[in-house]
Amino acid sequence: MSDVIQSGLAGSTWISTEAPGIEYAVLRPQPEGGATIFLRFAKGAHGAEHTHPGGEELYVVAGDITVGGKRLKAGDYLYTPPGMAHAAEAHEETVMLVSLPKLPVFL
């Protein structure tokens, strides 16, 4: 188990994105250039439309957010197939666990 990185929300190092109110913390880089991350949105933050070349899996840890027209709350899961696009808007502060085999491409 020495190669397993263990971290939680409290121990995460948050990195700001270019989008105001959106931060991420890397849990594990993935071989194709993606990563498993925590993604945190401030209330009212908007994530620009983007595609997922390798798909995306997300699990809402806390909050209320609309992703690709689907309203999600704590405990919800969403899979986005490779090549699909979506945007996001947080209705309250939201934290998600996100698995990205490849990094998204912003439109």
C-alpha atoms as a PDB file:
ATOM      1  CA  MET A   1       0.000   0.000   0.000  1.00  0.00           C
ATOM      2  CA  SER A   2       2.998   2.331  -0.068  1.00  0.00           C
ATOM      3  CA  ASP A   3       2.086   3.525  -3.598  1.00  0.00           C
ATOM      4  CA  VAL A   4      -1.418   4.596  -2.577  1.00  0.00           C
ATOM      5  CA  ILE A   5      -1.844   8.290  -1.871  1.00  0.00           C
ATOM      6  CA  GLN A   6      -4.323   8.904   0.899  1.00  0.00           C
ATOM      7  CA  SER A   7      -5.844  12.319   1.317  1.00  0.00           C
ATOM      8  CA  GLY A   8      -9.138  13.826   2.271  1.00  0.00           C
ATOM      9  CA  LEU A   9     -10.808  17.170   1.826  1.00  0.00           C
ATOM     10  CA  ALA A  10      -9.180  18.593   4.955  1.00  0.00           C
ATOM     11  CA  GLY A  11      -5.675  17.598   3.821  1.00  0.00           C
ATOM     12  CA  SER A  12      -6.041  18.736   0.220  1.00  0.00           C
ATOM     13  CA  THR A  13      -4.010  21.466  -1.452  1.00  0.00           C
ATOM     14  CA  TRP A  14      -6.464  23.553  -3.468  1.00  0.00           C
ATOM     15  CA  ILE A  15      -5.387  25.099  -6.779  1.00  0.00           C
ATOM     16  CA  SER A  16      -7.337  27.968  -8.356  1.00  0.00           C
ATOM     17  CA  THR A  17      -8.512  27.639 -11.954  1.00  0.00           C
ATOM     18  CA  GLU A  18      -8.937  30.417 -14.505  1.00  0.00           C
ATOM     19  CA  ALA A  19     -12.670  30.368 -13.724  1.00  0.00           C
ATOM     20  CA  PRO A  20     -13.533  32.501 -10.678  1.00  0.00           C
ATOM     21  CA  GLY A  21     -14.748  30.441  -7.728  1.00  0.00           C
ATOM     22  CA  ILE A  22     -13.544  27.049  -9.022  1.00  0.00           C
ATOM     23  CA  GLU A  23     -10.652  25.158  -7.419  1.00  0.00           C
ATOM     24  CA  TYR A  24      -9.316  21.610  -7.626  1.00  0.00           C
ATOM     25  CA  ALA A  25      -7.100  19.300  -5.593  1.00  0.00           C
ATOM     26  CA  VAL A  26      -5.282  16.400  -7.271  1.00  0.00           C
ATOM     27  CA  LEU A  27      -5.643  13.035  -5.559  1.00  0.00           C
ATOM     28  CA  ARG A  28      -3.953  10.877  -8.217  1.00  0.00           C
ATOM     29  CA  PRO A  29      -2.544  11.630 -11.671  1.00  0.00           C
ATOM     30  CA  GLN A  30      -3.701   9.157 -14.336  1.00  0.00           C
ATOM     31  CA  PRO A  31      -1.504   7.578 -17.061  1.00  0.00           C
ATOM     32  CA  GLU A  32      -3.188   9.290 -20.050  1.00  0.00           C
ATOM     33  CA  GLY A  33      -2.642  12.780 -18.613  1.00  0.00           C
ATOM     34  CA  GLY A  34      -5.863  13.035 -16.622  1.00  0.00           C
ATOM     35  CA  ALA A  35      -6.336  12.803 -12.875  1.00  0.00           C
ATOM     36  CA  THR A  36      -8.656  11.924 -10.042  1.00  0.00           C
ATOM     37  CA  ILE A  37      -9.477  15.201  -8.316  1.00  0.00           C
ATOM     38  CA  PHE A  38     -11.693  17.009  -5.871  1.00  0.00           C
ATOM     39  CA  LEU A  39     -13.394  19.903  -7.672  1.00  0.00           C
ATOM     40  CA  ARG A  40     -14.829  22.739  -5.572  1.00  0.00           C
ATOM     41  CA  PHE A  41     -17.267  25.389  -6.837  1.00  0.00           C
ATOM     42  CA  ALA A  42     -18.235  28.498  -4.874  1.00  0.00           C
ATOM     43  CA  LYS A  43     -21.943  29.329  -4.880  1.00  0.00           C
ATOM     44  CA  GLY A  44     -22.797  30.854  -8.277  1.00  0.00           C
ATOM     45  CA  ALA A  45     -19.561  29.745  -9.973  1.00  0.00           C
ATOM     46  CA  HIS A  46     -19.828  28.741 -13.647  1.00  0.00           C
ATOM     47  CA  GLY A  47     -17.682  26.138 -15.356  1.00  0.00           C
ATOM     48  CA  ALA A  48     -17.340  26.923 -19.072  1.00  0.00           C
ATOM     49  CA  GLU A  49     -18.497  24.429 -21.690  1.00  0.00           C
ATOM     50  CA  HIS A  50     -15.898  21.734 -22.317  1.00  0.00           C
ATOM     51  CA  THR A  51     -15.544  18.244 -23.786  1.00  0.00           C
ATOM     52  CA  HIS A  52     -14.153  15.109 -22.189  1.00  0.00           C
ATOM     53  CA  PRO A  53     -11.924  13.185 -24.640  1.00  0.00           C
ATOM     54  CA  GLY A  54     -11.637  10.293 -22.171  1.00  0.00           C
ATOM     55  CA  GLY A  55     -15.024  10.659 -20.502  1.00  0.00           C
ATOM     56  CA  GLU A  56     -15.669  11.790 -16.948  1.00  0.00           C
ATOM     57  CA  GLU A  57     -17.102  10.284 -13.797  1.00  0.00           C
ATOM     58  CA  LEU A  58     -18.201  12.565 -10.990  1.00  0.00           C
ATOM     59  CA  TYR A  59     -19.710  12.062  -7.563  1.00  0.00           C
ATOM     60  CA  VAL A  60     -21.169  15.005  -5.649  1.00  0.00           C
ATOM     61  CA  VAL A  61     -19.723  14.957  -2.133  1.00  0.00           C
ATOM     62  CA  ALA A  62     -21.607  18.069  -0.978  1.00  0.00           C
ATOM     63  CA  GLY A  63     -23.661  20.829  -2.558  1.00  0.00           C
ATOM     64  CA  ASP A  64     -26.059  21.484  -5.410  1.00  0.00           C
ATOM     65  CA  ILE A  65     -24.909  21.918  -9.023  1.00  0.00           C
ATOM     66  CA  THR A  66     -26.233  21.637 -12.575  1.00  0.00           C
ATOM     67  CA  VAL A  67     -23.912  19.797 -14.991  1.00  0.00           C
ATOM     68  CA  GLY A  68     -24.978  19.407 -18.597  1.00  0.00           C
ATOM     69  CA  GLY A  69     -28.576  20.270 -17.775  1.00  0.00           C
ATOM     70  CA  LYS A  70     -28.798  17.729 -14.927  1.00  0.00           C
ATOM     71  CA  ARG A  71     -29.328  19.030 -11.388  1.00  0.00           C
ATOM     72  CA  LEU A  72     -27.148  17.084  -8.955  1.00  0.00           C
ATOM     73  CA  LYS A  73     -26.967  17.075  -5.161  1.00  0.00           C
ATOM     74  CA  ALA A  74     -24.856  15.314  -2.531  1.00  0.00           C
ATOM     75  CA  GLY A  75     -24.758  11.586  -3.241  1.00  0.00           C
ATOM     76  CA  ASP A  76     -25.462  11.901  -6.988  1.00  0.00           C
ATOM     77  CA  TYR A  77     -23.232  10.347  -9.664  1.00  0.00           C
ATOM     78  CA  LEU A  78     -22.879  11.377 -13.307  1.00  0.00           C
ATOM     79  CA  TYR A  79     -20.996   9.705 -16.150  1.00  0.00           C
ATOM     80  CA  THR A  80     -20.120  11.746 -19.240  1.00  0.00           C
ATOM     81  CA  PRO A  81     -19.054   9.559 -22.199  1.00  0.00           C
ATOM     82  CA  PRO A  82     -15.913  10.402 -24.213  1.00  0.00           C
ATOM     83  CA  GLY A  83     -16.418  13.306 -26.612  1.00  0.00           C
ATOM     84  CA  MET A  84     -19.500  14.737 -24.900  1.00  0.00           C
ATOM     85  CA  ALA A  85     -19.621  18.393 -23.825  1.00  0.00           C
ATOM     86  CA  HIS A  86     -21.213  20.207 -20.899  1.00  0.00           C
ATOM     87  CA  ALA A  87     -20.982  23.273 -18.688  1.00  0.00           C
ATOM     88  CA  ALA A  88     -21.679  23.570 -14.948  1.00  0.00           C
ATOM     89  CA  GLU A  89     -23.301  26.033 -12.555  1.00  0.00           C
ATOM     90  CA  ALA A  90     -23.184  25.758  -8.762  1.00  0.00           C
ATOM     91  CA  HIS A  91     -26.377  26.659  -6.875  1.00  0.00           C
ATOM     92  CA  GLU A  92     -24.503  26.461  -3.570  1.00  0.00           C
ATOM     93  CA  GLU A  93     -20.924  25.661  -2.575  1.00  0.00           C
ATOM     94  CA  THR A  94     -20.267  22.237  -4.109  1.00  0.00           C
ATOM     95  CA  VAL A  95     -17.504  19.655  -3.834  1.00  0.00           C
ATOM     96  CA  MET A  96     -17.238  16.754  -6.281  1.00  0.00           C
ATOM     97  CA  LEU A  97     -14.931  13.776  -6.654  1.00  0.00           C
ATOM     98  CA  VAL A  98     -14.040  13.620 -10.360  1.00  0.00           C
ATOM     99  CA  SER A  99     -12.221  10.968 -12.388  1.00  0.00           C
ATOM    100  CA  LEU A 100     -10.765  12.240 -15.674  1.00  0.00           C
ATOM    101  CA  PRO A 101      -8.833   9.662 -17.736  1.00  0.00           C
ATOM    102  CA  LYS A 102      -7.792  12.587 -19.992  1.00  0.00           C
ATOM    103  CA  LEU A 103      -7.950  16.313 -19.263  1.00  0.00           C
ATOM    104  CA  PRO A 104     -10.993  18.224 -20.545  1.00  0.00           C
ATOM    105  CA  VAL A 105     -10.803  20.526 -23.567  1.00  0.00           C
ATOM    106  CA  PHE A 106     -12.484  23.912 -23.095  1.00  0.00           C
ATOM    107  CA  LEU A 107     -14.456  25.260 -26.040  1.00  0.00           C
END
